[in-house]
């Protein structure tokens, strides 16, 4: 298992150097800004992650609807799990928006994650 970090998508996708400077090679990429969902930024992300020798194991983005970041209500309110929000959330993720209005809430979240080695 490899240890990684949450890494914000910044600087147009040129945001991986500091991850490798920590001696880490895995990250979850995070962006709550739907304006960054472009082909150009995606291409830069792929190129820059490879240059820094960082593997992106997941992508976090905002979705509409309620979100409770805890162990009791989290499993039934987060992600694509809740059936009552699933269709809307899938449509939003496919469109590149974070919500119908284009904004999302930022949750507090842990800064260190682990990832199975692939």
N, C-alpha and C. Protein backbone atom coordinates (compact mmCIF):
# COMPACT_ATOMS: atom_id res chain seq x y z
N UNK A 1 0.84 -1.17 0.00
CA UNK A 1 0.00 0.00 0.00
C UNK A 1 0.89 1.24 0.00
N UNK A 2 0.48 2.23 -0.79
CA UNK A 2 1.22 3.48 -0.86
C UNK A 2 0.45 4.58 -0.14
N UNK A 3 1.17 5.46 0.51
CA UNK A 3 0.58 6.61 1.17
C UNK A 3 0.58 7.77 0.17
N UNK A 4 -0.51 8.52 0.16
CA UNK A 4 -0.60 9.66 -0.73
C UNK A 4 -1.24 10.84 -0.02
N UNK A 5 -1.49 11.90 -0.77
CA UNK A 5 -2.10 13.11 -0.22
C UNK A 5 -3.23 13.57 -1.11
N UNK A 6 -4.10 14.39 -0.55
CA UNK A 6 -5.06 15.13 -1.35
C UNK A 6 -4.30 16.30 -1.96
N UNK A 7 -4.48 16.50 -3.25
CA UNK A 7 -3.73 17.53 -3.96
C UNK A 7 -4.70 18.39 -4.75
N UNK A 8 -4.74 19.67 -4.44
CA UNK A 8 -5.62 20.58 -5.15
C UNK A 8 -5.18 20.80 -6.58
N UNK A 9 -6.14 20.82 -7.48
CA UNK A 9 -5.88 21.13 -8.88
C UNK A 9 -5.72 22.64 -9.01
N UNK A 10 -4.48 23.08 -9.14
CA UNK A 10 -4.16 24.50 -9.22
C UNK A 10 -3.22 24.75 -10.38
N UNK A 11 -2.99 26.01 -10.66
CA UNK A 11 -1.98 26.43 -11.62
C UNK A 11 -2.19 25.78 -12.99
N UNK A 12 -3.45 25.61 -13.39
CA UNK A 12 -3.74 25.05 -14.71
C UNK A 12 -3.32 23.60 -14.88
N UNK A 13 -3.14 22.89 -13.77
CA UNK A 13 -2.73 21.49 -13.82
C UNK A 13 -1.26 21.27 -13.51
N UNK A 14 -0.52 22.34 -13.31
CA UNK A 14 0.90 22.21 -12.96
C UNK A 14 1.01 22.23 -11.44
N UNK A 15 0.65 21.11 -10.82
CA UNK A 15 0.47 21.12 -9.36
C UNK A 15 0.98 19.85 -8.68
N UNK A 16 1.93 19.16 -9.27
CA UNK A 16 2.35 17.87 -8.73
C UNK A 16 3.77 17.86 -8.17
N UNK A 17 4.54 18.89 -8.45
CA UNK A 17 5.93 18.91 -8.02
C UNK A 17 6.08 18.76 -6.51
N UNK A 18 5.25 19.46 -5.74
CA UNK A 18 5.37 19.40 -4.29
C UNK A 18 5.01 18.01 -3.75
N UNK A 19 4.14 17.27 -4.45
CA UNK A 19 3.81 15.91 -4.00
C UNK A 19 5.06 15.04 -4.06
N UNK A 20 5.78 15.09 -5.18
CA UNK A 20 6.99 14.28 -5.30
C UNK A 20 8.11 14.82 -4.40
N UNK A 21 8.11 16.11 -4.10
CA UNK A 21 9.12 16.66 -3.19
C UNK A 21 8.95 16.10 -1.77
N UNK A 22 7.73 15.70 -1.42
CA UNK A 22 7.49 15.04 -0.13
C UNK A 22 7.93 13.59 -0.15
N UNK A 23 8.37 13.11 -1.31
CA UNK A 23 8.75 11.71 -1.44
C UNK A 23 7.55 10.81 -1.68
N UNK A 24 6.43 11.39 -2.09
CA UNK A 24 5.21 10.62 -2.34
C UNK A 24 4.97 10.52 -3.84
N UNK A 25 4.25 9.48 -4.23
CA UNK A 25 4.01 9.25 -5.65
C UNK A 25 2.55 8.95 -5.96
N UNK A 26 1.65 9.23 -5.01
CA UNK A 26 0.22 8.99 -5.19
C UNK A 26 -0.54 10.19 -4.64
N UNK A 27 -1.61 10.58 -5.36
CA UNK A 27 -2.47 11.64 -4.82
C UNK A 27 -3.89 11.44 -5.30
N UNK A 28 -4.80 12.03 -4.55
CA UNK A 28 -6.17 12.22 -5.00
C UNK A 28 -6.25 13.68 -5.42
N UNK A 29 -6.67 13.91 -6.65
CA UNK A 29 -6.76 15.26 -7.18
C UNK A 29 -8.10 15.86 -6.80
N UNK A 30 -8.10 17.10 -6.34
CA UNK A 30 -9.32 17.74 -5.84
C UNK A 30 -9.55 19.06 -6.57
N UNK A 31 -10.76 19.23 -7.11
CA UNK A 31 -11.13 20.52 -7.68
C UNK A 31 -12.61 20.74 -7.49
N UNK A 32 -12.96 21.84 -6.85
CA UNK A 32 -14.35 22.24 -6.68
C UNK A 32 -14.70 23.35 -7.66
N UNK A 33 -13.79 23.63 -8.59
CA UNK A 33 -13.96 24.70 -9.57
C UNK A 33 -14.26 24.09 -10.93
N UNK A 34 -15.52 24.18 -11.35
CA UNK A 34 -15.92 23.54 -12.60
C UNK A 34 -15.28 24.18 -13.83
N UNK A 35 -14.74 25.39 -13.72
CA UNK A 35 -14.10 26.01 -14.88
C UNK A 35 -12.81 25.28 -15.25
N UNK A 36 -12.31 24.43 -14.35
CA UNK A 36 -11.09 23.68 -14.64
C UNK A 36 -11.37 22.37 -15.39
N UNK A 37 -12.62 22.07 -15.65
CA UNK A 37 -12.99 20.84 -16.36
C UNK A 37 -12.89 21.06 -17.86
N UNK A 38 -11.64 21.23 -18.34
CA UNK A 38 -11.41 21.44 -19.76
C UNK A 38 -10.44 20.40 -20.30
N UNK A 39 -10.50 20.18 -21.58
CA UNK A 39 -9.58 19.23 -22.22
C UNK A 39 -8.13 19.69 -22.05
N UNK A 40 -7.88 20.97 -22.20
CA UNK A 40 -6.52 21.50 -22.08
C UNK A 40 -5.95 21.25 -20.69
N UNK A 41 -6.74 21.52 -19.66
CA UNK A 41 -6.24 21.27 -18.29
C UNK A 41 -6.07 19.78 -18.06
N UNK A 42 -6.97 18.97 -18.56
CA UNK A 42 -6.84 17.51 -18.40
C UNK A 42 -5.54 17.03 -19.04
N UNK A 43 -5.22 17.52 -20.23
CA UNK A 43 -3.97 17.14 -20.90
C UNK A 43 -2.76 17.58 -20.09
N UNK A 44 -2.82 18.79 -19.53
CA UNK A 44 -1.72 19.29 -18.69
C UNK A 44 -1.57 18.43 -17.44
N UNK A 45 -2.68 18.07 -16.81
CA UNK A 45 -2.65 17.22 -15.62
C UNK A 45 -1.95 15.91 -15.92
N UNK A 46 -2.32 15.26 -17.00
CA UNK A 46 -1.71 13.97 -17.36
C UNK A 46 -0.21 14.13 -17.58
N UNK A 47 0.18 15.16 -18.33
CA UNK A 47 1.59 15.40 -18.63
C UNK A 47 2.39 15.73 -17.36
N UNK A 48 1.86 16.64 -16.54
CA UNK A 48 2.59 17.08 -15.35
C UNK A 48 2.67 15.99 -14.28
N UNK A 49 1.61 15.20 -14.12
CA UNK A 49 1.66 14.09 -13.16
C UNK A 49 2.71 13.09 -13.59
N UNK A 50 2.78 12.77 -14.88
CA UNK A 50 3.80 11.83 -15.38
C UNK A 50 5.20 12.41 -15.16
N UNK A 51 5.37 13.69 -15.45
CA UNK A 51 6.69 14.32 -15.26
C UNK A 51 7.15 14.25 -13.81
N UNK A 52 6.19 14.45 -12.87
CA UNK A 52 6.53 14.43 -11.45
C UNK A 52 6.52 13.00 -10.88
N UNK A 53 6.17 12.01 -11.73
CA UNK A 53 6.09 10.61 -11.31
C UNK A 53 5.06 10.43 -10.19
N UNK A 54 3.90 11.09 -10.36
CA UNK A 54 2.81 11.01 -9.39
C UNK A 54 1.62 10.32 -10.07
N UNK A 55 1.09 9.31 -9.40
CA UNK A 55 -0.09 8.60 -9.90
C UNK A 55 -1.33 9.18 -9.24
N UNK A 56 -2.30 9.57 -10.05
CA UNK A 56 -3.56 10.09 -9.53
C UNK A 56 -4.48 8.89 -9.33
N UNK A 57 -4.84 8.61 -8.08
CA UNK A 57 -5.65 7.43 -7.79
C UNK A 57 -7.14 7.74 -7.74
N UNK A 58 -7.51 9.01 -7.64
CA UNK A 58 -8.93 9.40 -7.58
C UNK A 58 -9.05 10.88 -7.88
N UNK A 59 -10.27 11.28 -8.24
CA UNK A 59 -10.58 12.69 -8.48
C UNK A 59 -11.78 13.06 -7.63
N UNK A 60 -11.66 14.11 -6.85
CA UNK A 60 -12.78 14.62 -6.04
C UNK A 60 -13.37 15.81 -6.76
N UNK A 61 -14.70 15.87 -6.81
CA UNK A 61 -15.35 17.09 -7.29
C UNK A 61 -16.68 17.24 -6.57
N UNK A 62 -17.21 18.43 -6.58
CA UNK A 62 -18.46 18.69 -5.89
C UNK A 62 -19.66 18.20 -6.67
N UNK A 63 -20.71 17.83 -5.97
CA UNK A 63 -21.98 17.43 -6.57
C UNK A 63 -23.13 18.08 -5.79
N UNK A 64 -24.29 18.26 -6.45
CA UNK A 64 -25.42 18.89 -5.77
C UNK A 64 -26.06 17.96 -4.74
N UNK A 65 -26.90 18.56 -3.90
CA UNK A 65 -27.63 17.77 -2.91
C UNK A 65 -26.93 17.78 -1.57
N UNK A 66 -27.57 17.16 -0.58
CA UNK A 66 -26.99 17.17 0.77
C UNK A 66 -25.73 16.31 0.85
N UNK A 67 -24.87 16.68 1.75
CA UNK A 67 -23.64 15.92 2.00
C UNK A 67 -23.30 16.05 3.48
N UNK A 68 -23.32 14.94 4.17
CA UNK A 68 -22.94 14.94 5.58
C UNK A 68 -21.65 14.14 5.71
N UNK A 69 -20.59 14.85 6.11
CA UNK A 69 -19.26 14.25 6.16
C UNK A 69 -19.01 13.63 7.53
N UNK A 70 -19.72 12.51 7.78
CA UNK A 70 -19.54 11.78 9.04
C UNK A 70 -19.81 10.31 8.77
N UNK A 71 -19.63 9.48 9.77
CA UNK A 71 -19.78 8.04 9.57
C UNK A 71 -21.22 7.55 9.71
N UNK A 72 -22.12 8.40 10.22
CA UNK A 72 -23.49 7.94 10.39
C UNK A 72 -24.36 8.29 9.18
N UNK A 73 -24.33 9.52 8.71
CA UNK A 73 -25.14 9.91 7.55
C UNK A 73 -24.34 9.98 6.26
N UNK A 74 -23.03 10.01 6.36
CA UNK A 74 -22.20 10.08 5.16
C UNK A 74 -22.48 8.99 4.14
N UNK A 75 -22.56 7.73 4.56
CA UNK A 75 -22.78 6.66 3.58
C UNK A 75 -24.08 6.78 2.78
N UNK A 76 -25.07 7.49 3.31
CA UNK A 76 -26.33 7.62 2.57
C UNK A 76 -26.53 9.00 1.93
N UNK A 77 -25.53 9.90 2.08
CA UNK A 77 -25.67 11.23 1.47
C UNK A 77 -24.55 11.57 0.50
N UNK A 78 -23.45 10.86 0.51
CA UNK A 78 -22.28 11.24 -0.28
C UNK A 78 -22.20 10.50 -1.61
N UNK A 79 -21.58 11.14 -2.58
CA UNK A 79 -21.26 10.50 -3.85
C UNK A 79 -22.48 10.10 -4.66
N UNK A 80 -22.35 8.98 -5.36
CA UNK A 80 -23.41 8.50 -6.24
C UNK A 80 -24.30 7.47 -5.56
N UNK A 81 -24.11 7.25 -4.26
CA UNK A 81 -24.86 6.23 -3.52
C UNK A 81 -26.34 6.55 -3.37
N UNK A 82 -26.75 7.75 -2.94
CA UNK A 82 -28.17 7.99 -2.68
C UNK A 82 -29.00 7.93 -3.97
N UNK A 83 -29.93 7.00 -4.06
CA UNK A 83 -30.73 6.87 -5.29
C UNK A 83 -31.48 8.14 -5.66
N UNK A 84 -31.95 8.90 -4.68
CA UNK A 84 -32.74 10.10 -4.98
C UNK A 84 -31.92 11.22 -5.62
N UNK A 85 -30.60 11.19 -5.50
CA UNK A 85 -29.74 12.22 -6.10
C UNK A 85 -28.86 11.67 -7.22
N UNK A 86 -28.89 10.37 -7.43
CA UNK A 86 -27.95 9.73 -8.35
C UNK A 86 -28.03 10.28 -9.77
N UNK A 87 -29.22 10.34 -10.36
CA UNK A 87 -29.35 10.79 -11.76
C UNK A 87 -28.82 12.21 -11.93
N UNK A 88 -29.21 13.11 -11.02
CA UNK A 88 -28.74 14.49 -11.10
C UNK A 88 -27.22 14.57 -10.94
N UNK A 89 -26.67 13.83 -9.99
CA UNK A 89 -25.23 13.87 -9.75
C UNK A 89 -24.44 13.30 -10.91
N UNK A 90 -24.92 12.22 -11.49
CA UNK A 90 -24.24 11.64 -12.66
C UNK A 90 -24.27 12.63 -13.81
N UNK A 91 -25.42 13.26 -14.05
CA UNK A 91 -25.52 14.25 -15.12
C UNK A 91 -24.57 15.42 -14.89
N UNK A 92 -24.47 15.89 -13.66
CA UNK A 92 -23.58 17.00 -13.34
C UNK A 92 -22.12 16.59 -13.56
N UNK A 93 -21.74 15.41 -13.11
CA UNK A 93 -20.36 14.96 -13.30
C UNK A 93 -20.02 14.80 -14.79
N UNK A 94 -20.96 14.28 -15.57
CA UNK A 94 -20.72 14.13 -17.01
C UNK A 94 -20.59 15.47 -17.70
N UNK A 95 -21.29 16.48 -17.21
CA UNK A 95 -21.27 17.80 -17.85
C UNK A 95 -20.04 18.62 -17.48
N UNK A 96 -19.36 18.25 -16.40
CA UNK A 96 -18.21 19.03 -15.95
C UNK A 96 -18.56 20.13 -14.98
N UNK A 97 -19.87 20.31 -14.70
CA UNK A 97 -20.28 21.31 -13.71
C UNK A 97 -20.17 20.67 -12.33
N UNK A 98 -20.14 21.49 -11.30
CA UNK A 98 -20.16 20.94 -9.94
C UNK A 98 -21.55 20.94 -9.36
N UNK A 99 -22.45 21.72 -9.91
CA UNK A 99 -23.84 21.75 -9.47
C UNK A 99 -24.65 22.47 -10.53
N UNK A 100 -25.97 22.45 -10.44
CA UNK A 100 -26.76 23.19 -11.42
C UNK A 100 -26.38 24.66 -11.51
N UNK A 101 -25.95 25.24 -10.39
CA UNK A 101 -25.55 26.66 -10.39
C UNK A 101 -24.07 26.84 -10.67
N UNK A 102 -23.31 25.74 -10.72
CA UNK A 102 -21.88 25.83 -10.98
C UNK A 102 -21.02 25.97 -9.76
N UNK A 103 -21.61 25.85 -8.57
CA UNK A 103 -20.81 25.97 -7.36
C UNK A 103 -21.02 24.73 -6.49
N UNK A 104 -20.12 24.50 -5.59
CA UNK A 104 -20.22 23.35 -4.69
C UNK A 104 -19.67 23.72 -3.34
N UNK A 105 -20.13 23.00 -2.34
CA UNK A 105 -19.60 23.21 -0.99
C UNK A 105 -18.27 22.49 -0.86
N UNK A 106 -17.36 23.07 -0.12
CA UNK A 106 -16.10 22.41 0.16
C UNK A 106 -16.20 21.72 1.51
N UNK A 107 -16.05 20.41 1.53
CA UNK A 107 -16.08 19.72 2.81
C UNK A 107 -14.73 19.79 3.49
N UNK A 108 -14.73 19.59 4.78
CA UNK A 108 -13.45 19.39 5.44
C UNK A 108 -13.14 17.92 5.25
N UNK A 109 -11.91 17.60 5.02
CA UNK A 109 -11.55 16.21 4.75
C UNK A 109 -10.13 15.94 5.22
N UNK A 110 -9.79 14.68 5.40
CA UNK A 110 -8.44 14.34 5.85
C UNK A 110 -7.43 14.69 4.77
N UNK A 111 -6.20 14.91 5.17
CA UNK A 111 -5.19 15.28 4.19
C UNK A 111 -4.28 14.13 3.80
N UNK A 112 -4.37 13.01 4.46
CA UNK A 112 -3.53 11.87 4.09
C UNK A 112 -4.44 10.69 3.80
N UNK A 113 -4.19 10.06 2.68
CA UNK A 113 -4.98 8.90 2.27
C UNK A 113 -4.04 7.77 1.89
N UNK A 114 -4.56 6.58 1.84
CA UNK A 114 -3.75 5.47 1.36
C UNK A 114 -4.36 4.91 0.10
N UNK A 115 -3.56 4.29 -0.71
CA UNK A 115 -4.01 3.76 -1.98
C UNK A 115 -3.37 2.42 -2.22
N UNK A 116 -4.15 1.41 -2.65
CA UNK A 116 -3.53 0.13 -2.98
C UNK A 116 -2.56 0.30 -4.12
N UNK A 117 -1.46 -0.37 -4.08
CA UNK A 117 -0.48 -0.32 -5.14
C UNK A 117 -1.01 -1.09 -6.33
N UNK A 118 -0.90 -0.49 -7.52
CA UNK A 118 -1.35 -1.18 -8.73
C UNK A 118 -0.21 -1.46 -9.65
